[in-house]
PDB file of N, CA and C in Angstrom:
ATOM      1  N   UNK A   1      -2.337  52.766 -48.693  1.00  0.00           N
ATOM      2  CA  UNK A   1      -2.477  52.401 -50.049  1.00  0.00           C
ATOM      3  C   UNK A   1      -4.153  52.360 -50.521  1.00  0.00           C
ATOM      4  N   UNK A   2      -4.673  52.713 -51.482  1.00  0.00           N
ATOM      5  CA  UNK A   2      -6.018  52.688 -52.177  1.00  0.00           C
ATOM      6  C   UNK A   2      -6.356  51.050 -52.329  1.00  0.00           C
ATOM      7  N   UNK A   3      -7.376  50.907 -52.874  1.00  0.00           N
ATOM      8  CA  UNK A   3      -8.105  49.604 -53.376  1.00  0.00           C
ATOM      9  C   UNK A   3      -7.404  49.582 -54.370  1.00  0.00           C
ATOM     10  N   UNK A   4      -7.665  50.646 -55.319  1.00  0.00           N
ATOM     11  CA  UNK A   4      -7.321  50.831 -56.836  1.00  0.00           C
ATOM     12  C   UNK A   4      -5.704  50.798 -56.811  1.00  0.00           C
ATOM     13  N   UNK A   5      -4.815  51.103 -56.394  1.00  0.00           N
ATOM     14  CA  UNK A   5      -3.720  50.731 -56.265  1.00  0.00           C
ATOM     15  C   UNK A   5      -3.214  49.469 -55.955  1.00  0.00           C
ATOM     16  N   UNK A   6      -4.091  49.112 -54.799  1.00  0.00           N
ATOM     17  CA  UNK A   6      -3.425  47.513 -54.471  1.00  0.00           C
ATOM     18  C   UNK A   6      -3.963  46.586 -55.541  1.00  0.00           C
ATOM     19  N   UNK A   7      -4.776  46.927 -56.405  1.00  0.00           N
ATOM     20  CA  UNK A   7      -4.921  46.181 -57.714  1.00  0.00           C
ATOM     21  C   UNK A   7      -4.359  46.107 -58.570  1.00  0.00           C
ATOM     22  N   UNK A   8      -3.805  47.634 -59.089  1.00  0.00           N
ATOM     23  CA  UNK A   8      -2.800  48.056 -60.256  1.00  0.00           C
ATOM     24  C   UNK A   8      -1.583  47.230 -59.677  1.00  0.00           C
ATOM     25  N   UNK A   9      -1.195  47.460 -58.324  1.00  0.00           N
ATOM     26  CA  UNK A   9       0.385  46.527 -58.121  1.00  0.00           C
ATOM     27  C   UNK A   9       0.019  45.071 -57.966  1.00  0.00           C
ATOM     28  N   UNK A  10      -1.277  44.866 -57.567  1.00  0.00           N
ATOM     29  CA  UNK A  10      -1.011  42.929 -58.069  1.00  0.00           C
ATOM     30  C   UNK A  10      -1.346  42.604 -59.455  1.00  0.00           C
ATOM     31  N   UNK A  11      -1.710  43.371 -60.304  1.00  0.00           N
ATOM     32  CA  UNK A  11      -1.471  43.254 -61.962  1.00  0.00           C
ATOM     33  C   UNK A  11      -0.091  43.279 -61.722  1.00  0.00           C
ATOM     34  N   UNK A  12       0.371  44.513 -61.486  1.00  0.00           N
ATOM     35  CA  UNK A  12       2.087  44.366 -61.870  1.00  0.00           C
ATOM     36  C   UNK A  12       3.205  42.998 -61.252  1.00  0.00           C
ATOM     37  N   UNK A  13       2.487  43.241 -60.188  1.00  0.00           N
ATOM     38  CA  UNK A  13       3.265  41.372 -59.269  1.00  0.00           C
ATOM     39  C   UNK A  13       2.659  40.522 -60.116  1.00  0.00           C
ATOM     40  N   UNK A  14       1.759  40.113 -60.680  1.00  0.00           N
ATOM     41  CA  UNK A  14       1.323  38.918 -61.831  1.00  0.00           C
ATOM     42  C   UNK A  14       1.959  39.309 -62.831  1.00  0.00           C
ATOM     43  N   UNK A  15       2.249  39.891 -63.214  1.00  0.00           N
ATOM     44  CA  UNK A  15       3.195  40.209 -64.727  1.00  0.00           C
ATOM     45  C   UNK A  15       4.879  39.884 -64.223  1.00  0.00           C
ATOM     46  N   UNK A  16       4.805  40.398 -63.345  1.00  0.00           N
ATOM     47  CA  UNK A  16       6.497  40.022 -62.927  1.00  0.00           C
ATOM     48  C   UNK A  16       6.522  38.744 -62.838  1.00  0.00           C
ATOM     49  N   UNK A  17       5.307  37.852 -62.010  1.00  0.00           N
ATOM     50  CA  UNK A  17       5.868  36.531 -62.135  1.00  0.00           C
ATOM     51  C   UNK A  17       5.918  35.732 -63.249  1.00  0.00           C
ATOM     52  N   UNK A  18       5.011  36.330 -64.619  1.00  0.00           N
ATOM     53  CA  UNK A  18       5.217  35.646 -65.911  1.00  0.00           C
ATOM     54  C   UNK A  18       6.684  36.156 -66.281  1.00  0.00           C
ATOM     55  N   UNK A  19       7.242  37.443 -65.979  1.00  0.00           N
ATOM     56  CA  UNK A  19       8.849  37.597 -66.250  1.00  0.00           C
ATOM     57  C   UNK A  19       9.584  36.642 -65.559  1.00  0.00           C
ATOM     58  N   UNK A  20       9.325  36.603 -64.171  1.00  0.00           N
ATOM     59  CA  UNK A  20       9.941  35.536 -63.675  1.00  0.00           C
ATOM     60  C   UNK A  20      10.192  33.953 -64.303  1.00  0.00           C
ATOM     61  N   UNK A  21       8.818  33.604 -64.524  1.00  0.00           N
ATOM     62  CA  UNK A  21       9.059  32.241 -65.451  1.00  0.00           C
ATOM     63  C   UNK A  21       9.723  31.867 -66.430  1.00  0.00           C
ATOM     64  N   UNK A  22       9.573  33.058 -67.043  1.00  0.00           N
ATOM     65  CA  UNK A  22      10.178  33.184 -68.492  1.00  0.00           C
ATOM     66  C   UNK A  22      11.758  33.350 -68.528  1.00  0.00           C
ATOM     67  N   UNK A  23      12.154  33.889 -67.345  1.00  0.00           N
ATOM     68  CA  UNK A  23      13.647  33.958 -66.719  1.00  0.00           C
ATOM     69  C   UNK A  23      13.899  32.656 -66.290  1.00  0.00           C
ATOM     70  N   UNK A  24      13.432  32.181 -65.952  1.00  0.00           N
ATOM     71  CA  UNK A  24      13.805  30.923 -64.955  1.00  0.00           C
ATOM     72  C   UNK A  24      13.759  29.924 -66.213  1.00  0.00           C
ATOM     73  N   UNK A  25      12.946  29.955 -67.436  1.00  0.00           N
ATOM     74  CA  UNK A  25      13.568  28.622 -68.328  1.00  0.00           C
ATOM     75  C   UNK A  25      14.869  29.028 -68.949  1.00  0.00           C
ATOM     76  N   UNK A  26      14.720  30.669 -69.430  1.00  0.00           N
ATOM     77  CA  UNK A  26      15.993  31.060 -70.050  1.00  0.00           C
ATOM     78  C   UNK A  26      17.271  30.835 -69.287  1.00  0.00           C
ATOM     79  N   UNK A  27      17.004  30.128 -68.130  1.00  0.00           N
ATOM     80  CA  UNK A  27      18.118  30.512 -67.225  1.00  0.00           C
ATOM     81  C   UNK A  27      18.817  29.199 -67.246  1.00  0.00           C
ATOM     82  N   UNK A  28      18.087  28.046 -68.076  1.00  0.00           N
ATOM     83  CA  UNK A  28      18.645  26.891 -68.418  1.00  0.00           C
ATOM     84  C   UNK A  28      18.984  26.207 -67.004  1.00  0.00           C
ATOM     85  N   UNK A  29      18.337  25.884 -66.023  1.00  0.00           N
ATOM     86  CA  UNK A  29      18.647  25.378 -64.717  1.00  0.00           C
ATOM     87  C   UNK A  29      19.800  26.270 -63.975  1.00  0.00           C
ATOM     88  N   UNK A  30      19.701  27.573 -63.897  1.00  0.00           N
ATOM     89  CA  UNK A  30      19.970  28.503 -63.362  1.00  0.00           C
ATOM     90  C   UNK A  30      22.009  28.163 -63.606  1.00  0.00           C
ATOM     91  N   UNK A  31      21.797  28.173 -65.018  1.00  0.00           N
ATOM     92  CA  UNK A  31      23.493  27.971 -65.777  1.00  0.00           C
ATOM     93  C   UNK A  31      23.809  29.058 -66.385  1.00  0.00           C
ATOM     94  N   UNK A  32      22.759  30.127 -66.505  1.00  0.00           N
ATOM     95  CA  UNK A  32      22.981  31.286 -67.626  1.00  0.00           C
ATOM     96  C   UNK A  32      22.980  32.220 -66.473  1.00  0.00           C
ATOM     97  N   UNK A  33      24.253  32.991 -65.927  1.00  0.00           N
ATOM     98  CA  UNK A  33      24.439  34.199 -65.125  1.00  0.00           C
ATOM     99  C   UNK A  33      22.984  35.344 -65.077  1.00  0.00           C
ATOM    100  N   UNK A  34      23.217  35.808 -66.722  1.00  0.00           N
ATOM    101  CA  UNK A  34      22.355  37.035 -66.512  1.00  0.00           C
ATOM    102  C   UNK A  34      20.702  36.741 -66.281  1.00  0.00           C
ATOM    103  N   UNK A  35      20.495  35.513 -66.893  1.00  0.00           N
ATOM    104  CA  UNK A  35      18.949  35.174 -66.518  1.00  0.00           C
ATOM    105  C   UNK A  35      18.959  34.719 -65.276  1.00  0.00           C
ATOM    106  N   UNK A  36      19.946  34.196 -64.779  1.00  0.00           N
ATOM    107  CA  UNK A  36      19.494  33.794 -63.170  1.00  0.00           C
ATOM    108  C   UNK A  36      19.502  34.859 -62.286  1.00  0.00           C
ATOM    109  N   UNK A  37      20.315  35.897 -62.472  1.00  0.00           N
ATOM    110  CA  UNK A  37      20.062  37.275 -61.694  1.00  0.00           C
ATOM    111  C   UNK A  37      18.818  37.697 -62.013  1.00  0.00           C
ATOM    112  N   UNK A  38      18.145  37.707 -63.375  1.00  0.00           N
ATOM    113  CA  UNK A  38      17.243  38.665 -63.390  1.00  0.00           C
ATOM    114  C   UNK A  38      15.976  37.973 -63.035  1.00  0.00           C
ATOM    115  N   UNK A  39      16.020  36.377 -63.069  1.00  0.00           N
ATOM    116  CA  UNK A  39      15.175  35.347 -62.598  1.00  0.00           C
ATOM    117  C   UNK A  39      14.928  35.526 -60.773  1.00  0.00           C
ATOM    118  N   UNK A  40      15.986  35.725 -60.037  1.00  0.00           N
ATOM    119  CA  UNK A  40      15.925  36.216 -58.820  1.00  0.00           C
ATOM    120  C   UNK A  40      15.432  37.611 -58.669  1.00  0.00           C
ATOM    121  N   UNK A  41      15.850  38.536 -59.359  1.00  0.00           N
ATOM    122  CA  UNK A  41      15.115  39.765 -59.030  1.00  0.00           C
ATOM    123  C   UNK A  41      13.849  40.000 -59.321  1.00  0.00           C
ATOM    124  N   UNK A  42      13.191  39.465 -60.210  1.00  0.00           N
ATOM    125  CA  UNK A  42      11.863  39.473 -60.571  1.00  0.00           C
ATOM    126  C   UNK A  42      11.047  38.944 -59.494  1.00  0.00           C
ATOM    127  N   UNK A  43      11.572  37.331 -59.012  1.00  0.00           N
ATOM    128  CA  UNK A  43      10.908  36.695 -57.813  1.00  0.00           C
ATOM    129  C   UNK A  43      11.063  37.717 -56.436  1.00  0.00           C
ATOM    130  N   UNK A  44      12.075  38.224 -56.371  1.00  0.00           N
ATOM    131  CA  UNK A  44      11.779  39.253 -55.402  1.00  0.00           C
ATOM    132  C   UNK A  44      11.180  40.252 -55.077  1.00  0.00           C
ATOM    133  N   UNK A  45      10.916  41.250 -56.321  1.00  0.00           N
ATOM    134  CA  UNK A  45       9.777  42.119 -56.778  1.00  0.00           C
ATOM    135  C   UNK A  45       8.797  41.449 -56.736  1.00  0.00           C
ATOM    136  N   UNK A  46       8.289  40.309 -57.312  1.00  0.00           N
ATOM    137  CA  UNK A  46       7.267  40.288 -56.938  1.00  0.00           C
ATOM    138  C   UNK A  46       6.538  39.635 -55.825  1.00  0.00           C
ATOM    139  N   UNK A  47       7.014  39.076 -54.953  1.00  0.00           N
ATOM    140  CA  UNK A  47       7.010  38.561 -53.474  1.00  0.00           C
ATOM    141  C   UNK A  47       6.766  40.335 -52.835  1.00  0.00           C
ATOM    142  N   UNK A  48       7.489  40.757 -53.015  1.00  0.00           N
ATOM    143  CA  UNK A  48       7.301  42.247 -52.164  1.00  0.00           C
ATOM    144  C   UNK A  48       6.076  42.777 -52.713  1.00  0.00           C
ATOM    145  N   UNK A  49       5.851  42.832 -53.845  1.00  0.00           N
ATOM    146  CA  UNK A  49       4.464  43.318 -54.307  1.00  0.00           C
ATOM    147  C   UNK A  49       3.422  42.719 -53.358  1.00  0.00           C
ATOM    148  N   UNK A  50       3.481  41.447 -54.036  1.00  0.00           N
ATOM    149  CA  UNK A  50       2.295  40.748 -53.349  1.00  0.00           C
ATOM    150  C   UNK A  50       2.037  40.659 -51.984  1.00  0.00           C
ATOM    151  N   UNK A  51       3.243  41.122 -51.190  1.00  0.00           N
ATOM    152  CA  UNK A  51       3.199  41.135 -49.894  1.00  0.00           C
ATOM    153  C   UNK A  51       2.496  42.401 -49.596  1.00  0.00           C
ATOM    154  N   UNK A  52       2.670  43.680 -49.998  1.00  0.00           N
ATOM    155  CA  UNK A  52       1.975  44.882 -49.979  1.00  0.00           C
ATOM    156  C   UNK A  52       0.772  44.863 -50.266  1.00  0.00           C
ATOM    157  N   UNK A  53       0.366  43.938 -51.257  1.00  0.00           N
ATOM    158  CA  UNK A  53      -1.106  44.235 -51.483  1.00  0.00           C
ATOM    159  C   UNK A  53      -1.776  43.441 -50.885  1.00  0.00           C
ATOM    160  N   UNK A  54      -1.226  42.397 -50.184  1.00  0.00           N
ATOM    161  CA  UNK A  54      -2.036  41.158 -49.138  1.00  0.00           C
ATOM    162  C   UNK A  54      -2.582  42.297 -47.840  1.00  0.00           C
ATOM    163  N   UNK A  55      -2.187  43.266 -47.525  1.00  0.00           N
ATOM    164  CA  UNK A  55      -2.372  44.107 -46.663  1.00  0.00           C
ATOM    165  C   UNK A  55      -3.656  44.815 -46.628  1.00  0.00           C
ATOM    166  N   UNK A  56      -3.824  45.242 -48.213  1.00  0.00           N
ATOM    167  CA  UNK A  56      -5.308  45.972 -48.433  1.00  0.00           C
ATOM    168  C   UNK A  56      -6.152  44.708 -48.704  1.00  0.00           C
ATOM    169  N   UNK A  57      -6.098  43.917 -49.888  1.00  0.00           N
ATOM    170  CA  UNK A  57      -6.997  43.244 -50.636  1.00  0.00           C
ATOM    171  C   UNK A  57      -7.104  41.711 -49.497  1.00  0.00           C
ATOM    172  N   UNK A  58      -8.328  40.976 -49.723  1.00  0.00           N
ATOM    173  CA  UNK A  58      -8.527  39.582 -49.278  1.00  0.00           C
ATOM    174  C   UNK A  58      -7.504  38.504 -49.717  1.00  0.00           C
ATOM    175  N   UNK A  59      -6.958  37.975 -49.278  1.00  0.00           N
ATOM    176  CA  UNK A  59      -5.884  37.208 -49.274  1.00  0.00           C
ATOM    177  C   UNK A  59      -6.488  36.267 -50.563  1.00  0.00           C
ATOM    178  N   UNK A  60      -7.613  35.544 -50.199  1.00  0.00           N
ATOM    179  CA  UNK A  60      -8.355  34.586 -51.490  1.00  0.00           C
ATOM    180  C   UNK A  60      -8.303  35.189 -52.704  1.00  0.00           C
ATOM    181  N   UNK A  61      -9.085  36.185 -52.676  1.00  0.00           N
ATOM    182  CA  UNK A  61      -9.054  36.907 -54.154  1.00  0.00           C
ATOM    183  C   UNK A  61      -7.808  37.572 -54.462  1.00  0.00           C
ATOM    184  N   UNK A  62      -6.816  38.115 -54.010  1.00  0.00           N
ATOM    185  CA  UNK A  62      -5.492  38.424 -54.510  1.00  0.00           C
ATOM    186  C   UNK A  62      -4.777  37.116 -55.134  1.00  0.00           C
ATOM    187  N   UNK A  63      -5.086  36.401 -54.227  1.00  0.00           N
ATOM    188  CA  UNK A  63      -3.532  35.193 -54.703  1.00  0.00           C
ATOM    189  C   UNK A  63      -4.141  34.570 -55.703  1.00  0.00           C
ATOM    190  N   UNK A  64      -5.429  34.114 -55.853  1.00  0.00           N
ATOM    191  CA  UNK A  64      -5.962  33.412 -56.984  1.00  0.00           C
ATOM    192  C   UNK A  64      -5.807  34.589 -58.409  1.00  0.00           C
ATOM    193  N   UNK A  65      -6.076  35.752 -57.873  1.00  0.00           N
ATOM    194  CA  UNK A  65      -5.880  36.764 -59.417  1.00  0.00           C
ATOM    195  C   UNK A  65      -4.319  36.637 -59.724  1.00  0.00           C
ATOM    196  N   UNK A  66      -3.232  36.625 -58.629  1.00  0.00           N
ATOM    197  CA  UNK A  66      -1.902  36.933 -59.088  1.00  0.00           C
ATOM    198  C   UNK A  66      -1.718  35.823 -59.496  1.00  0.00           C
ATOM    199  N   UNK A  67      -2.187  34.416 -59.073  1.00  0.00           N
ATOM    200  CA  UNK A  67      -1.725  32.951 -59.432  1.00  0.00           C
ATOM    201  C   UNK A  67      -2.436  33.143 -61.099  1.00  0.00           C
ATOM    202  N   UNK A  68      -3.637  33.543 -61.301  1.00  0.00           N
ATOM    203  CA  UNK A  68      -4.137  33.699 -62.768  1.00  0.00           C
ATOM    204  C   UNK A  68      -3.473  34.261 -63.740  1.00  0.00           C
ATOM    205  N   UNK A  69      -3.066  35.349 -63.398  1.00  0.00           N
ATOM    206  CA  UNK A  69      -2.132  36.207 -64.190  1.00  0.00           C
ATOM    207  C   UNK A  69      -0.994  35.513 -64.689  1.00  0.00           C
ATOM    208  N   UNK A  70      -0.198  34.926 -63.588  1.00  0.00           N
ATOM    209  CA  UNK A  70       0.911  34.374 -63.950  1.00  0.00           C
ATOM    210  C   UNK A  70       0.829  33.155 -64.832  1.00  0.00           C
ATOM    211  N   UNK A  71      -0.140  32.551 -64.540  1.00  0.00           N
ATOM    212  CA  UNK A  71      -0.446  31.383 -65.246  1.00  0.00           C
ATOM    213  C   UNK A  71      -0.949  31.326 -66.701  1.00  0.00           C
ATOM    214  N   UNK A  72      -2.135  32.350 -66.915  1.00  0.00           N
ATOM    215  CA  UNK A  72      -2.359  32.958 -68.234  1.00  0.00           C
ATOM    216  C   UNK A  72      -1.310  33.411 -68.870  1.00  0.00           C
ATOM    217  N   UNK A  73      -0.626  34.556 -68.429  1.00  0.00           N
ATOM    218  CA  UNK A  73       0.188  35.194 -69.080  1.00  0.00           C
ATOM    219  C   UNK A  73       1.340  34.051 -69.743  1.00  0.00           C
ATOM    220  N   UNK A  74       1.895  32.913 -68.934  1.00  0.00           N
ATOM    221  CA  UNK A  74       2.970  31.889 -69.032  1.00  0.00           C
ATOM    222  C   UNK A  74       2.940  31.139 -70.170  1.00  0.00           C
ATOM    223  N   UNK A  75       1.284  30.685 -70.018  1.00  0.00           N
ATOM    224  CA  UNK A  75       0.788  29.823 -71.178  1.00  0.00           C
ATOM    225  C   UNK A  75       0.721  30.831 -72.606  1.00  0.00           C
ATOM    226  N   UNK A  76       0.331  31.888 -72.524  1.00  0.00           N
ATOM    227  CA  UNK A  76       0.454  32.728 -73.888  1.00  0.00           C
ATOM    228  C   UNK A  76       2.071  33.182 -74.079  1.00  0.00           C
ATOM    229  N   UNK A  77       3.061  33.564 -73.317  1.00  0.00           N
ATOM    230  CA  UNK A  77       4.426  33.892 -73.648  1.00  0.00           C
ATOM    231  C   UNK A  77       5.124  32.269 -74.235  1.00  0.00           C
ATOM    232  N   UNK A  78       4.799  30.994 -73.523  1.00  0.00           N
ATOM    233  CA  UNK A  78       5.036  30.252 -73.846  1.00  0.00           C
ATOM    234  C   UNK A  78       5.034  29.432 -75.222  1.00  0.00           C
ATOM    235  N   UNK A  79       3.933  29.856 -75.756  1.00  0.00           N
ATOM    236  CA  UNK A  79       3.313  29.662 -77.267  1.00  0.00           C
ATOM    237  C   UNK A  79       4.016  30.936 -78.170  1.00  0.00           C
ATOM    238  N   UNK A  80       4.031  31.778 -77.781  1.00  0.00           N
ATOM    239  CA  UNK A  80       4.600  32.728 -78.493  1.00  0.00           C
ATOM    240  C   UNK A  80       6.285  32.759 -78.446  1.00  0.00           C
ATOM    241  N   UNK A  81       7.193  32.515 -77.661  1.00  0.00           N
ATOM    242  CA  UNK A  81       8.360  32.682 -77.819  1.00  0.00           C
ATOM    243  C   UNK A  81       8.885  31.191 -77.992  1.00  0.00           C
ATOM    244  N   UNK A  82       8.077  30.226 -77.119  1.00  0.00           N
ATOM    245  CA  UNK A  82       8.867  28.912 -76.843  1.00  0.00           C
ATOM    246  C   UNK A  82       8.259  27.838 -78.202  1.00  0.00           C
ATOM    247  N   UNK A  83       7.384  28.217 -78.839  1.00  0.00           N
ATOM    248  CA  UNK A  83       6.702  27.791 -79.847  1.00  0.00           C
ATOM    249  C   UNK A  83       5.881  25.937 -79.183  1.00  0.00           C
ATOM    250  N   UNK A  84       5.407  26.308 -77.868  1.00  0.00           N
ATOM    251  CA  UNK A  84       4.397  25.393 -77.411  1.00  0.00           C
ATOM    252  C   UNK A  84       3.286  25.518 -77.982  1.00  0.00           C
ATOM    253  N   UNK A  85       2.886  24.068 -77.587  1.00  0.00           N
ATOM    254  CA  UNK A  85       1.557  23.674 -78.272  1.00  0.00           C
ATOM    255  C   UNK A  85       0.353  24.506 -78.340  1.00  0.00           C
ATOM    256  N   UNK A  86      -0.488  24.973 -79.276  1.00  0.00           N
ATOM    257  CA  UNK A  86      -1.366  25.659 -79.437  1.00  0.00           C
ATOM    258  C   UNK A  86      -2.645  25.002 -79.901  1.00  0.00           C
ATOM    259  N   UNK A  87      -3.560  24.961 -78.734  1.00  0.00           N
ATOM    260  CA  UNK A  87      -4.961  24.112 -78.936  1.00  0.00           C
ATOM    261  C   UNK A  87      -6.332  24.613 -78.645  1.00  0.00           C
ATOM    262  N   UNK A  88      -7.185  24.315 -79.343  1.00  0.00           N
ATOM    263  CA  UNK A  88      -8.549  24.763 -78.529  1.00  0.00           C
ATOM    264  C   UNK A  88      -8.407  24.895 -76.939  1.00  0.00           C
ATOM    265  N   UNK A  89      -8.500  23.449 -76.401  1.00  0.00           N
ATOM    266  CA  UNK A  89      -8.594  23.499 -75.173  1.00  0.00           C
ATOM    267  C   UNK A  89      -7.274  24.238 -74.368  1.00  0.00           C
ATOM    268  N   UNK A  90      -6.429  24.468 -74.521  1.00  0.00           N
ATOM    269  CA  UNK A  90      -5.395  25.242 -74.347  1.00  0.00           C
ATOM    270  C   UNK A  90      -5.914  26.654 -74.284  1.00  0.00           C
ATOM    271  N   UNK A  91      -6.758  27.169 -74.992  1.00  0.00           N
ATOM    272  CA  UNK A  91      -6.800  28.701 -75.112  1.00  0.00           C
ATOM    273  C   UNK A  91      -8.300  28.876 -74.565  1.00  0.00           C
ATOM    274  N   UNK A  92      -9.332  27.768 -74.698  1.00  0.00           N
ATOM    275  CA  UNK A  92      -9.951  27.827 -73.412  1.00  0.00           C
ATOM    276  C   UNK A  92      -9.957  28.013 -72.468  1.00  0.00           C
ATOM    277  N   UNK A  93      -9.145  27.132 -71.758  1.00  0.00           N
ATOM    278  CA  UNK A  93      -8.586  27.035 -70.537  1.00  0.00           C
ATOM    279  C   UNK A  93      -8.046  28.554 -69.893  1.00  0.00           C
ATOM    280  N   UNK A  94      -6.964  29.494 -71.104  1.00  0.00           N
ATOM    281  CA  UNK A  94      -6.551  30.680 -70.777  1.00  0.00           C
ATOM    282  C   UNK A  94      -7.977  31.654 -70.370  1.00  0.00           C
ATOM    283  N   UNK A  95      -9.104  31.448 -71.460  1.00  0.00           N
ATOM    284  CA  UNK A  95     -10.199  32.182 -71.174  1.00  0.00           C
ATOM    285  C   UNK A  95     -10.740  32.107 -70.110  1.00  0.00           C
ATOM    286  N   UNK A  96     -10.859  31.036 -69.648  1.00  0.00           N
ATOM    287  CA  UNK A  96     -11.706  30.780 -68.093  1.00  0.00           C
ATOM    288  C   UNK A  96     -11.188  31.115 -67.090  1.00  0.00           C
ATOM    289  N   UNK A  97      -9.362  31.191 -66.953  1.00  0.00           N
ATOM    290  CA  UNK A  97      -8.740  31.913 -66.304  1.00  0.00           C
ATOM    291  C   UNK A  97      -8.910  33.680 -66.239  1.00  0.00           C
ATOM    292  N   UNK A  98      -8.908  33.888 -67.220  1.00  0.00           N
ATOM    293  CA  UNK A  98      -8.979  35.210 -67.581  1.00  0.00           C
ATOM    294  C   UNK A  98     -10.708  35.709 -66.760  1.00  0.00           C
ATOM    295  N   UNK A  99     -11.619  35.312 -67.300  1.00  0.00           N
ATOM    296  CA  UNK A  99     -12.981  35.478 -67.122  1.00  0.00           C
ATOM    297  C   UNK A  99     -13.015  35.307 -65.175  1.00  0.00           C
ATOM    298  N   UNK A 100     -12.252  34.500 -64.746  1.00  0.00           N
ATOM    299  CA  UNK A 100     -11.994  33.959 -63.777  1.00  0.00           C
ATOM    300  C   UNK A 100     -11.429  35.336 -62.577  1.00  0.00           C
ATOM    301  N   UNK A 101     -10.469  35.944 -63.169  1.00  0.00           N
ATOM    302  CA  UNK A 101      -9.872  37.110 -62.730  1.00  0.00           C
ATOM    303  C   UNK A 101     -10.706  38.539 -62.571  1.00  0.00           C
ATOM    304  N   UNK A 102     -11.228  38.402 -63.709  1.00  0.00           N
ATOM    305  CA  UNK A 102     -12.367  39.614 -63.935  1.00  0.00           C
ATOM    306  C   UNK A 102     -13.448  39.617 -63.017  1.00  0.00           C
ATOM    307  N   UNK A 103     -13.859  38.249 -62.446  1.00  0.00           N
ATOM    308  CA  UNK A 103     -15.093  38.026 -61.557  1.00  0.00           C
ATOM    309  C   UNK A 103     -14.449  38.110 -60.552  1.00  0.00           C
ATOM    310  N   UNK A 104     -13.363  37.645 -60.366  1.00  0.00           N
ATOM    311  CA  UNK A 104     -12.661  38.199 -58.641  1.00  0.00           C
ATOM    312  C   UNK A 104     -12.714  39.641 -58.580  1.00  0.00           C
ATOM    313  N   UNK A 105     -11.978  40.337 -59.788  1.00  0.00           N
ATOM    314  CA  UNK A 105     -11.717  41.684 -59.422  1.00  0.00           C
ATOM    315  C   UNK A 105     -12.995  42.726 -59.119  1.00  0.00           C
ATOM    316  N   UNK A 106     -14.187  42.315 -59.633  1.00  0.00           N
ATOM    317  CA  UNK A 106     -15.471  42.692 -59.315  1.00  0.00           C
ATOM    318  C   UNK A 106     -16.381  42.368 -58.387  1.00  0.00           C
ATOM    319  N   UNK A 107     -15.992  41.029 -57.593  1.00  0.00           N
ATOM    320  CA  UNK A 107     -16.639  40.760 -56.625  1.00  0.00           C
ATOM    321  C   UNK A 107     -16.750  41.664 -55.425  1.00  0.00           C
ATOM    322  N   UNK A 108     -17.728  41.837 -54.808  1.00  0.00           N
ATOM    323  CA  UNK A 108     -17.853  42.348 -53.481  1.00  0.00           C
ATOM    324  C   UNK A 108     -17.130  41.595 -52.509  1.00  0.00           C
ATOM    325  N   UNK A 109     -16.132  42.706 -51.602  1.00  0.00           N
ATOM    326  CA  UNK A 109     -15.331  42.010 -50.943  1.00  0.00           C
ATOM    327  C   UNK A 109     -15.745  42.368 -49.458  1.00  0.00           C
TER     328      UNK A 109
END
């Protein structure tokens, strides 16, 4: 696997993490079967992809980027889907996470 493909799969894994977090909330404590199954499938998928990516990319950078995508994406979707609070501080926090992700992507390894 090339570095470029590894970074792409890392992004996909991060997005699956966002989907997992949202589906976990929608499963209402794993009491709704459809959302529960989706949550478990997304969990398995992002763990598999993250594991593959860690064969190529440095663990520190890859894990930080994956976590950042998950955190920032979940904050944004929480605002959009669940009416969570929007504040300058939250938006600045997301921007800082995104800036960190970009910096790690282009940092020499």
